[in-house]
Amino acid sequence: MSAITLENVSLSFAAKPQPFTVLDDISLSLEKGEFVVLLGPSGCGKSTILNLVAGFNKPDRGRVAAGGKTVKLPGPDRGMIFQQPNLFPWLSVLENVTFGPRLGKYHKNEVNAQALDWLTRVGLKGFEHHAPWQLSGGMKQRVALARAWLPEPEVLLLDEPFGALDAQTRLMMQELLRDAWLATGTTLLFVTHDVEEALFLADRILIMSAKPGKIVEEVILPFGHERDIETLAEHPAYSGIKHHVLHRVRQEAKRHLG
């Protein structure tokens, strides 16, 4: 059973003089434990797909399913991380990470222990009682990562989560994300416009067009799971794949602007 399925999904938004078609007859499937990246020009509907899977929007036509069940509303089986960490400034790091479980019935000691374990995994041991304003941008995003993974979602949706970070912090976060993914086996659907980021992270890249959004190509990456960000470019297939993906994305961006 697929972890995520979109079947002939279309979605339009109201606009004048006529509705604007964001997605047109999109079909895709992610198997359990896959890491798939959506790559394409701005405005092609990448984030809209995440919102559909999360249950924030509903398609005009077609079906969106998670774990074989039609998505109707947000649920704890699907976590999401945005470009901004969206931490509650009046809560401590630990309180931010445990915010979701604390909304319902939970075992405080057990949940706190799991949260501290995740904070250790993301390199924030000893920061659990800090306030968000005391953290750097990269540290805040690590808190968001721990918060999203704590409830053990089946699927994690990531909408350009490292786009606002400096280059070195972004590389560190990419490595951290892959390590967490390999350790948990969670299904990841990741949105980016950065080709090198997509090549390092993904099992598969789905390249999208715009006006309206469609999936125009699937690229299966041959790099294996154990990747070193410093040596990946030495892989014999890397240069050719990077050139091809860059070319396809630029083609779609030019067509979109035209």
C-alpha atoms as a PDB file:
ATOM      1  CA  MET A   1       0.000   0.000   0.000  1.00  0.00           C
ATOM      2  CA  SER A   2       1.349   3.401  -0.996  1.00  0.00           C
ATOM      3  CA  ALA A   3       2.051   5.964   1.712  1.00  0.00           C
ATOM      4  CA  ILE A   4       0.815   8.845  -0.477  1.00  0.00           C
ATOM      5  CA  THR A   5      -1.294   8.726  -3.626  1.00  0.00           C
ATOM      6  CA  LEU A   6      -2.655  11.464  -5.860  1.00  0.00           C
ATOM      7  CA  GLU A   7      -4.979  10.217  -8.594  1.00  0.00           C
ATOM      8  CA  ASN A   8      -5.854  12.599 -11.439  1.00  0.00           C
ATOM      9  CA  VAL A   9      -5.912  15.587  -9.095  1.00  0.00           C
ATOM     10  CA  SER A  10      -6.872  19.029 -10.366  1.00  0.00           C
ATOM     11  CA  LEU A  11      -7.298  22.244  -8.402  1.00  0.00           C
ATOM     12  CA  SER A  12      -8.214  25.794  -9.380  1.00  0.00           C
ATOM     13  CA  PHE A  13      -8.363  29.001  -7.371  1.00  0.00           C
ATOM     14  CA  ALA A  14     -10.854  31.811  -7.890  1.00  0.00           C
ATOM     15  CA  ALA A  15      -9.526  34.690  -9.991  1.00  0.00           C
ATOM     16  CA  LYS A  16     -10.725  37.239 -12.546  1.00  0.00           C
ATOM     17  CA  PRO A  17     -11.539  37.083 -15.398  1.00  0.00           C
ATOM     18  CA  GLN A  18     -11.518  33.283 -14.930  1.00  0.00           C
ATOM     19  CA  PRO A  19     -10.363  30.720 -12.343  1.00  0.00           C
ATOM     20  CA  PHE A  20      -6.635  30.011 -12.194  1.00  0.00           C
ATOM     21  CA  THR A  21      -5.753  26.330 -12.638  1.00  0.00           C
ATOM     22  CA  VAL A  22      -2.950  25.465 -10.207  1.00  0.00           C
ATOM     23  CA  LEU A  23      -2.798  21.685 -10.730  1.00  0.00           C
ATOM     24  CA  ASP A  24      -4.022  19.814 -13.785  1.00  0.00           C
ATOM     25  CA  ASP A  25      -4.552  16.036 -13.697  1.00  0.00           C
ATOM     26  CA  ILE A  26      -1.657  15.292 -11.322  1.00  0.00           C
ATOM     27  CA  SER A  27      -0.975  11.654 -10.446  1.00  0.00           C
ATOM     28  CA  LEU A  28       1.838  10.453  -8.209  1.00  0.00           C
ATOM     29  CA  SER A  29       2.579   7.773  -5.649  1.00  0.00           C
ATOM     30  CA  LEU A  30       5.107   7.447  -2.818  1.00  0.00           C
ATOM     31  CA  GLU A  31       5.902   4.086  -1.302  1.00  0.00           C
ATOM     32  CA  LYS A  32       6.399   3.731   2.439  1.00  0.00           C
ATOM     33  CA  GLY A  33       9.833   5.001   3.477  1.00  0.00           C
ATOM     34  CA  GLU A  34      10.598   6.841   0.236  1.00  0.00           C
ATOM     35  CA  PHE A  35      12.205  10.275   0.080  1.00  0.00           C
ATOM     36  CA  VAL A  36      10.764  12.162  -2.896  1.00  0.00           C
ATOM     37  CA  VAL A  37      11.496  15.760  -3.890  1.00  0.00           C
ATOM     38  CA  LEU A  38       9.173  18.025  -5.872  1.00  0.00           C
ATOM     39  CA  LEU A  39      11.274  20.375  -7.984  1.00  0.00           C
ATOM     40  CA  GLY A  40      10.113  23.114 -10.303  1.00  0.00           C
ATOM     41  CA  PRO A  41       9.764  26.840 -10.938  1.00  0.00           C
ATOM     42  CA  SER A  42       8.029  29.167  -8.513  1.00  0.00           C
ATOM     43  CA  GLY A  43       4.268  28.993  -8.814  1.00  0.00           C
ATOM     44  CA  CYS A  44       4.093  25.485 -10.282  1.00  0.00           C
ATOM     45  CA  GLY A  45       1.999  24.063  -7.443  1.00  0.00           C
ATOM     46  CA  LYS A  46       4.618  22.257  -5.356  1.00  0.00           C
ATOM     47  CA  SER A  47       3.390  23.681  -2.057  1.00  0.00           C
ATOM     48  CA  THR A  48      -0.208  23.155  -3.146  1.00  0.00           C
ATOM     49  CA  ILE A  49       0.456  19.417  -3.420  1.00  0.00           C
ATOM     50  CA  LEU A  50       1.795  19.400   0.139  1.00  0.00           C
ATOM     51  CA  ASN A  51      -1.287  21.277   1.346  1.00  0.00           C
ATOM     52  CA  LEU A  52      -3.544  18.709  -0.321  1.00  0.00           C
ATOM     53  CA  VAL A  53      -1.708  15.794   1.281  1.00  0.00           C
ATOM     54  CA  ALA A  54      -1.747  17.588   4.643  1.00  0.00           C
ATOM     55  CA  GLY A  55      -5.505  18.061   4.372  1.00  0.00           C
ATOM     56  CA  PHE A  56      -5.417  21.870   4.324  1.00  0.00           C
ATOM     57  CA  ASN A  57      -7.029  22.007   0.854  1.00  0.00           C
ATOM     58  CA  LYS A  58      -9.319  19.696  -1.104  1.00  0.00           C
ATOM     59  CA  PRO A  59      -8.996  18.961  -4.837  1.00  0.00           C
ATOM     60  CA  ASP A  60     -11.667  20.003  -7.321  1.00  0.00           C
ATOM     61  CA  ARG A  61     -11.263  16.633  -9.022  1.00  0.00           C
ATOM     62  CA  GLY A  62      -9.408  13.427  -8.289  1.00  0.00           C
ATOM     63  CA  ARG A  63      -8.388  11.731  -5.057  1.00  0.00           C
ATOM     64  CA  VAL A  64      -5.668  12.330  -2.473  1.00  0.00           C
ATOM     65  CA  ALA A  65      -4.916   9.410  -0.150  1.00  0.00           C
ATOM     66  CA  ALA A  66      -2.514   8.718   2.718  1.00  0.00           C
ATOM     67  CA  GLY A  67      -2.030   5.111   3.752  1.00  0.00           C
ATOM     68  CA  GLY A  68      -4.831   4.101   1.407  1.00  0.00           C
ATOM     69  CA  LYS A  69      -7.403   6.385   3.066  1.00  0.00           C
ATOM     70  CA  THR A  70      -8.825   9.454   1.357  1.00  0.00           C
ATOM     71  CA  VAL A  71      -7.466  12.643   2.923  1.00  0.00           C
ATOM     72  CA  LYS A  72     -10.297  14.807   4.224  1.00  0.00           C
ATOM     73  CA  LEU A  73      -8.715  16.699   7.125  1.00  0.00           C
ATOM     74  CA  PRO A  74      -5.281  17.184   8.732  1.00  0.00           C
ATOM     75  CA  GLY A  75      -4.242  14.304  10.970  1.00  0.00           C
ATOM     76  CA  PRO A  76      -1.385  13.150  13.216  1.00  0.00           C
ATOM     77  CA  ASP A  77      -0.276  10.630  10.589  1.00  0.00           C
ATOM     78  CA  ARG A  78       0.983  13.567   8.477  1.00  0.00           C
ATOM     79  CA  GLY A  79       3.446  16.101   9.858  1.00  0.00           C
ATOM     80  CA  MET A  80       4.538  19.299   8.132  1.00  0.00           C
ATOM     81  CA  ILE A  81       7.545  21.603   8.333  1.00  0.00           C
ATOM     82  CA  PHE A  82       7.454  25.045   6.739  1.00  0.00           C
ATOM     83  CA  GLN A  83      10.179  27.456   5.625  1.00  0.00           C
ATOM     84  CA  GLN A  84       9.668  29.409   8.849  1.00  0.00           C
ATOM     85  CA  PRO A  85       9.851  27.336  12.055  1.00  0.00           C
ATOM     86  CA  ASN A  86       6.695  28.954  13.515  1.00  0.00           C
ATOM     87  CA  LEU A  87       7.658  28.399  17.146  1.00  0.00           C
ATOM     88  CA  PHE A  88       5.535  29.806  19.959  1.00  0.00           C
ATOM     89  CA  PRO A  89       7.690  32.601  21.433  1.00  0.00           C
ATOM     90  CA  TRP A  90       6.168  32.305  24.929  1.00  0.00           C
ATOM     91  CA  LEU A  91       7.014  28.587  25.206  1.00  0.00           C
ATOM     92  CA  SER A  92      10.367  26.970  25.914  1.00  0.00           C
ATOM     93  CA  VAL A  93      12.072  24.711  23.380  1.00  0.00           C
ATOM     94  CA  LEU A  94      10.784  21.618  25.197  1.00  0.00           C
ATOM     95  CA  GLU A  95       7.261  23.023  25.408  1.00  0.00           C
ATOM     96  CA  ASN A  96       7.314  23.795  21.682  1.00  0.00           C
ATOM     97  CA  VAL A  97       8.416  20.263  20.817  1.00  0.00           C
ATOM     98  CA  THR A  98       5.747  18.676  23.026  1.00  0.00           C
ATOM     99  CA  PHE A  99       2.981  21.103  22.063  1.00  0.00           C
ATOM    100  CA  GLY A 100       1.040  18.620  19.907  1.00  0.00           C
ATOM    101  CA  PRO A 101       0.869  15.747  22.418  1.00  0.00           C
ATOM    102  CA  ARG A 102      -0.025  18.180  25.219  1.00  0.00           C
ATOM    103  CA  LEU A 103      -3.250  19.094  23.398  1.00  0.00           C
ATOM    104  CA  GLY A 104      -4.671  15.661  24.215  1.00  0.00           C
ATOM    105  CA  LYS A 105      -4.230  12.939  26.795  1.00  0.00           C
ATOM    106  CA  TYR A 106      -0.549  12.151  27.212  1.00  0.00           C
ATOM    107  CA  HIS A 107       1.981  10.752  29.660  1.00  0.00           C
ATOM    108  CA  LYS A 108       4.103  13.764  30.569  1.00  0.00           C
ATOM    109  CA  ASN A 109       7.267  11.917  31.609  1.00  0.00           C
ATOM    110  CA  GLU A 110       7.182   9.643  28.566  1.00  0.00           C
ATOM    111  CA  VAL A 111       6.542  12.459  26.094  1.00  0.00           C
ATOM    112  CA  ASN A 112       9.196  14.683  27.677  1.00  0.00           C
ATOM    113  CA  ALA A 113      11.720  11.828  27.505  1.00  0.00           C
ATOM    114  CA  GLN A 114      10.949  11.298  23.813  1.00  0.00           C
ATOM    115  CA  ALA A 115      11.214  15.033  23.169  1.00  0.00           C
ATOM    116  CA  LEU A 116      14.587  15.213  24.923  1.00  0.00           C
ATOM    117  CA  ASP A 117      15.751  12.274  22.812  1.00  0.00           C
ATOM    118  CA  TRP A 118      14.794  14.138  19.646  1.00  0.00           C
ATOM    119  CA  LEU A 119      16.454  17.327  20.863  1.00  0.00           C
ATOM    120  CA  THR A 120      19.621  15.299  21.409  1.00  0.00           C
ATOM    121  CA  ARG A 121      19.359  13.842  17.892  1.00  0.00           C
ATOM    122  CA  VAL A 122      19.120  17.310  16.366  1.00  0.00           C
ATOM    123  CA  GLY A 123      22.012  18.649  18.429  1.00  0.00           C
ATOM    124  CA  LEU A 124      20.033  20.704  20.947  1.00  0.00           C
ATOM    125  CA  LYS A 125      20.742  18.822  24.161  1.00  0.00           C
ATOM    126  CA  GLY A 126      20.899  21.378  26.970  1.00  0.00           C
ATOM    127  CA  PHE A 127      18.692  23.901  25.146  1.00  0.00           C
ATOM    128  CA  GLU A 128      15.334  22.478  26.240  1.00  0.00           C
ATOM    129  CA  HIS A 129      14.611  25.355  28.641  1.00  0.00           C
ATOM    130  CA  HIS A 130      15.734  28.129  26.284  1.00  0.00           C
ATOM    131  CA  ALA A 131      13.238  30.500  24.684  1.00  0.00           C
ATOM    132  CA  PRO A 132      13.015  30.679  20.867  1.00  0.00           C
ATOM    133  CA  TRP A 133      14.452  34.208  20.845  1.00  0.00           C
ATOM    134  CA  GLN A 134      17.671  32.794  22.287  1.00  0.00           C
ATOM    135  CA  LEU A 135      18.197  30.503  19.281  1.00  0.00           C
ATOM    136  CA  SER A 136      19.701  31.041  15.835  1.00  0.00           C
ATOM    137  CA  GLY A 137      17.656  30.425  12.686  1.00  0.00           C
ATOM    138  CA  GLY A 138      19.174  26.996  12.193  1.00  0.00           C
ATOM    139  CA  MET A 139      18.527  26.032  15.809  1.00  0.00           C
ATOM    140  CA  LYS A 140      14.888  27.100  15.511  1.00  0.00           C
ATOM    141  CA  GLN A 141      14.469  24.917  12.442  1.00  0.00           C
ATOM    142  CA  ARG A 142      15.980  21.991  14.348  1.00  0.00           C
ATOM    143  CA  VAL A 143      13.323  22.529  17.032  1.00  0.00           C
ATOM    144  CA  ALA A 144      10.678  22.442  14.284  1.00  0.00           C
ATOM    145  CA  LEU A 145      12.186  19.191  12.992  1.00  0.00           C
ATOM    146  CA  ALA A 146      12.053  17.592  16.446  1.00  0.00           C
ATOM    147  CA  ARG A 147       8.480  18.825  16.962  1.00  0.00           C
ATOM    148  CA  ALA A 148       7.322  17.345  13.646  1.00  0.00           C
ATOM    149  CA  TRP A 149       8.967  13.961  14.250  1.00  0.00           C
ATOM    150  CA  LEU A 150       7.964  13.520  17.899  1.00  0.00           C
ATOM    151  CA  PRO A 151       4.420  12.186  17.160  1.00  0.00           C
ATOM    152  CA  GLU A 152       5.977   9.575  14.818  1.00  0.00           C
ATOM    153  CA  PRO A 153       4.016  10.544  11.688  1.00  0.00           C
ATOM    154  CA  GLU A 154       3.776   8.105   8.806  1.00  0.00           C
ATOM    155  CA  VAL A 155       4.446  10.954   6.375  1.00  0.00           C
ATOM    156  CA  LEU A 156       6.446  14.155   6.785  1.00  0.00           C
ATOM    157  CA  LEU A 157       5.829  17.043   4.384  1.00  0.00           C
ATOM    158  CA  LEU A 158       8.561  19.676   4.073  1.00  0.00           C
ATOM    159  CA  ASP A 159       7.980  22.981   2.282  1.00  0.00           C
ATOM    160  CA  GLU A 160      11.416  24.489   1.526  1.00  0.00           C
ATOM    161  CA  PRO A 161      12.368  24.181   5.209  1.00  0.00           C
ATOM    162  CA  PHE A 162      15.980  25.260   4.699  1.00  0.00           C
ATOM    163  CA  GLY A 163      15.424  28.027   2.158  1.00  0.00           C
ATOM    164  CA  ALA A 164      15.939  30.876   4.647  1.00  0.00           C
ATOM    165  CA  LEU A 165      19.154  29.477   6.158  1.00  0.00           C
ATOM    166  CA  ASP A 166      22.738  30.392   5.310  1.00  0.00           C
ATOM    167  CA  ALA A 167      24.641  27.982   3.062  1.00  0.00           C
ATOM    168  CA  GLN A 168      26.637  26.188   5.770  1.00  0.00           C
ATOM    169  CA  THR A 169      23.652  25.771   8.091  1.00  0.00           C
ATOM    170  CA  ARG A 170      21.588  24.505   5.162  1.00  0.00           C
ATOM    171  CA  LEU A 171      24.128  21.754   4.431  1.00  0.00           C
ATOM    172  CA  MET A 172      24.154  20.727   8.086  1.00  0.00           C
ATOM    173  CA  MET A 173      20.350  20.578   8.171  1.00  0.00           C
ATOM    174  CA  GLN A 174      20.263  18.478   5.004  1.00  0.00           C
ATOM    175  CA  GLU A 175      22.609  15.937   6.600  1.00  0.00           C
ATOM    176  CA  LEU A 176      20.569  15.987   9.798  1.00  0.00           C
ATOM    177  CA  LEU A 177      17.352  15.383   7.875  1.00  0.00           C
ATOM    178  CA  ARG A 178      18.776  12.425   5.954  1.00  0.00           C
ATOM    179  CA  ASP A 179      20.126  10.876   9.161  1.00  0.00           C
ATOM    180  CA  ALA A 180      16.714  11.187  10.838  1.00  0.00           C
ATOM    181  CA  TRP A 181      14.973   9.760   7.774  1.00  0.00           C
ATOM    182  CA  LEU A 182      17.312   6.760   7.628  1.00  0.00           C
ATOM    183  CA  ALA A 183      16.792   6.143  11.351  1.00  0.00           C
ATOM    184  CA  THR A 184      12.980   6.334  11.264  1.00  0.00           C
ATOM    185  CA  GLY A 185      11.921   5.134   7.819  1.00  0.00           C
ATOM    186  CA  THR A 186       9.332   7.916   7.612  1.00  0.00           C
ATOM    187  CA  THR A 187       7.980   8.744   4.146  1.00  0.00           C
ATOM    188  CA  LEU A 188       9.197  12.217   3.131  1.00  0.00           C
ATOM    189  CA  LEU A 189       7.805  14.554   0.473  1.00  0.00           C
ATOM    190  CA  PHE A 190      10.077  17.593   0.189  1.00  0.00           C
ATOM    191  CA  VAL A 191       9.631  20.784  -1.842  1.00  0.00           C
ATOM    192  CA  THR A 192      12.618  22.773  -3.075  1.00  0.00           C
ATOM    193  CA  HIS A 193      13.819  24.858  -6.010  1.00  0.00           C
ATOM    194  CA  ASP A 194      17.476  23.980  -5.255  1.00  0.00           C
ATOM    195  CA  VAL A 195      18.771  21.289  -7.635  1.00  0.00           C
ATOM    196  CA  GLU A 196      21.831  20.377  -5.545  1.00  0.00           C
ATOM    197  CA  GLU A 197      19.644  19.993  -2.451  1.00  0.00           C
ATOM    198  CA  ALA A 198      17.309  17.688  -4.381  1.00  0.00           C
ATOM    199  CA  LEU A 199      20.213  15.567  -5.657  1.00  0.00           C
ATOM    200  CA  PHE A 200      21.625  15.063  -2.159  1.00  0.00           C
ATOM    201  CA  LEU A 201      18.342  14.310  -0.422  1.00  0.00           C
ATOM    202  CA  ALA A 202      16.064  12.353  -2.725  1.00  0.00           C
ATOM    203  CA  ASP A 203      15.434   8.817  -3.897  1.00  0.00           C
ATOM    204  CA  ARG A 204      13.388  10.327  -6.719  1.00  0.00           C
ATOM    205  CA  ILE A 205      12.900  13.814  -8.127  1.00  0.00           C
ATOM    206  CA  LEU A 206       9.583  14.807  -9.685  1.00  0.00           C
ATOM    207  CA  ILE A 207      10.069  17.803 -11.992  1.00  0.00           C
ATOM    208  CA  MET A 208       7.029  20.042 -12.368  1.00  0.00           C
ATOM    209  CA  SER A 209       5.851  22.529 -14.957  1.00  0.00           C
ATOM    210  CA  ALA A 210       3.611  25.511 -14.319  1.00  0.00           C
ATOM    211  CA  LYS A 211       0.589  27.193 -15.925  1.00  0.00           C
ATOM    212  CA  PRO A 212      -0.901  24.746 -14.934  1.00  0.00           C
ATOM    213  CA  GLY A 213       1.116  22.514 -12.621  1.00  0.00           C
ATOM    214  CA  LYS A 214       1.945  19.094 -14.053  1.00  0.00           C
ATOM    215  CA  ILE A 215       4.610  16.479 -13.393  1.00  0.00           C
ATOM    216  CA  VAL A 216       6.698  16.422 -16.558  1.00  0.00           C
ATOM    217  CA  GLU A 217       9.510  14.055 -15.583  1.00  0.00           C
ATOM    218  CA  GLU A 218      10.618  11.587 -12.927  1.00  0.00           C
ATOM    219  CA  VAL A 219      14.338  11.241 -12.199  1.00  0.00           C
ATOM    220  CA  ILE A 220      15.434   8.195 -10.194  1.00  0.00           C
ATOM    221  CA  LEU A 221      18.736   8.866  -8.432  1.00  0.00           C
ATOM    222  CA  PRO A 222      21.383   6.092  -8.396  1.00  0.00           C
ATOM    223  CA  PHE A 223      23.415   7.353  -5.426  1.00  0.00           C
ATOM    224  CA  GLY A 224      22.201   4.921  -2.748  1.00  0.00           C
ATOM    225  CA  HIS A 225      21.191   5.763   0.811  1.00  0.00           C
ATOM    226  CA  GLU A 226      24.626   6.295   2.332  1.00  0.00           C
ATOM    227  CA  ARG A 227      25.680   9.646   0.871  1.00  0.00           C
ATOM    228  CA  ASP A 228      28.418  12.083   1.794  1.00  0.00           C
ATOM    229  CA  ILE A 229      27.541  15.645   0.911  1.00  0.00           C
ATOM    230  CA  GLU A 230      31.227  16.479   0.372  1.00  0.00           C
ATOM    231  CA  THR A 231      31.915  13.631  -2.071  1.00  0.00           C
ATOM    232  CA  LEU A 232      28.566  13.107  -3.813  1.00  0.00           C
ATOM    233  CA  ALA A 233      29.676  15.231  -6.777  1.00  0.00           C
ATOM    234  CA  GLU A 234      32.439  12.676  -7.441  1.00  0.00           C
ATOM    235  CA  HIS A 235      29.864   9.988  -8.299  1.00  0.00           C
ATOM    236  CA  PRO A 236      30.247   9.187 -12.026  1.00  0.00           C
ATOM    237  CA  ALA A 237      26.565   9.859 -12.729  1.00  0.00           C
ATOM    238  CA  TYR A 238      26.284  13.080 -10.713  1.00  0.00           C
ATOM    239  CA  SER A 239      27.405  15.631 -13.284  1.00  0.00           C
ATOM    240  CA  GLY A 240      25.193  14.309 -16.067  1.00  0.00           C
ATOM    241  CA  ILE A 241      22.104  14.077 -13.865  1.00  0.00           C
ATOM    242  CA  LYS A 242      22.676  17.555 -12.432  1.00  0.00           C
ATOM    243  CA  HIS A 243      23.048  19.036 -15.912  1.00  0.00           C
ATOM    244  CA  HIS A 244      19.888  17.307 -17.129  1.00  0.00           C
ATOM    245  CA  VAL A 245      17.786  18.344 -14.125  1.00  0.00           C
ATOM    246  CA  LEU A 246      19.030  21.948 -14.277  1.00  0.00           C
ATOM    247  CA  HIS A 247      18.194  22.069 -17.978  1.00  0.00           C
ATOM    248  CA  ARG A 248      14.675  20.718 -17.465  1.00  0.00           C
ATOM    249  CA  VAL A 249      13.938  23.080 -14.579  1.00  0.00           C
ATOM    250  CA  ARG A 250      15.257  26.070 -16.548  1.00  0.00           C
ATOM    251  CA  GLN A 251      13.122  25.028 -19.515  1.00  0.00           C
ATOM    252  CA  GLU A 252      10.020  25.034 -17.357  1.00  0.00           C
ATOM    253  CA  ALA A 253      10.965  28.317 -15.667  1.00  0.00           C
ATOM    254  CA  LYS A 254      11.442  30.029 -19.047  1.00  0.00           C
ATOM    255  CA  ARG A 255       8.153  28.645 -20.307  1.00  0.00           C
ATOM    256  CA  HIS A 256       6.447  29.868 -17.137  1.00  0.00           C
ATOM    257  CA  LEU A 257       7.876  33.376 -17.529  1.00  0.00           C
ATOM    258  CA  GLY A 258       6.953  33.416 -21.197  1.00  0.00           C
END
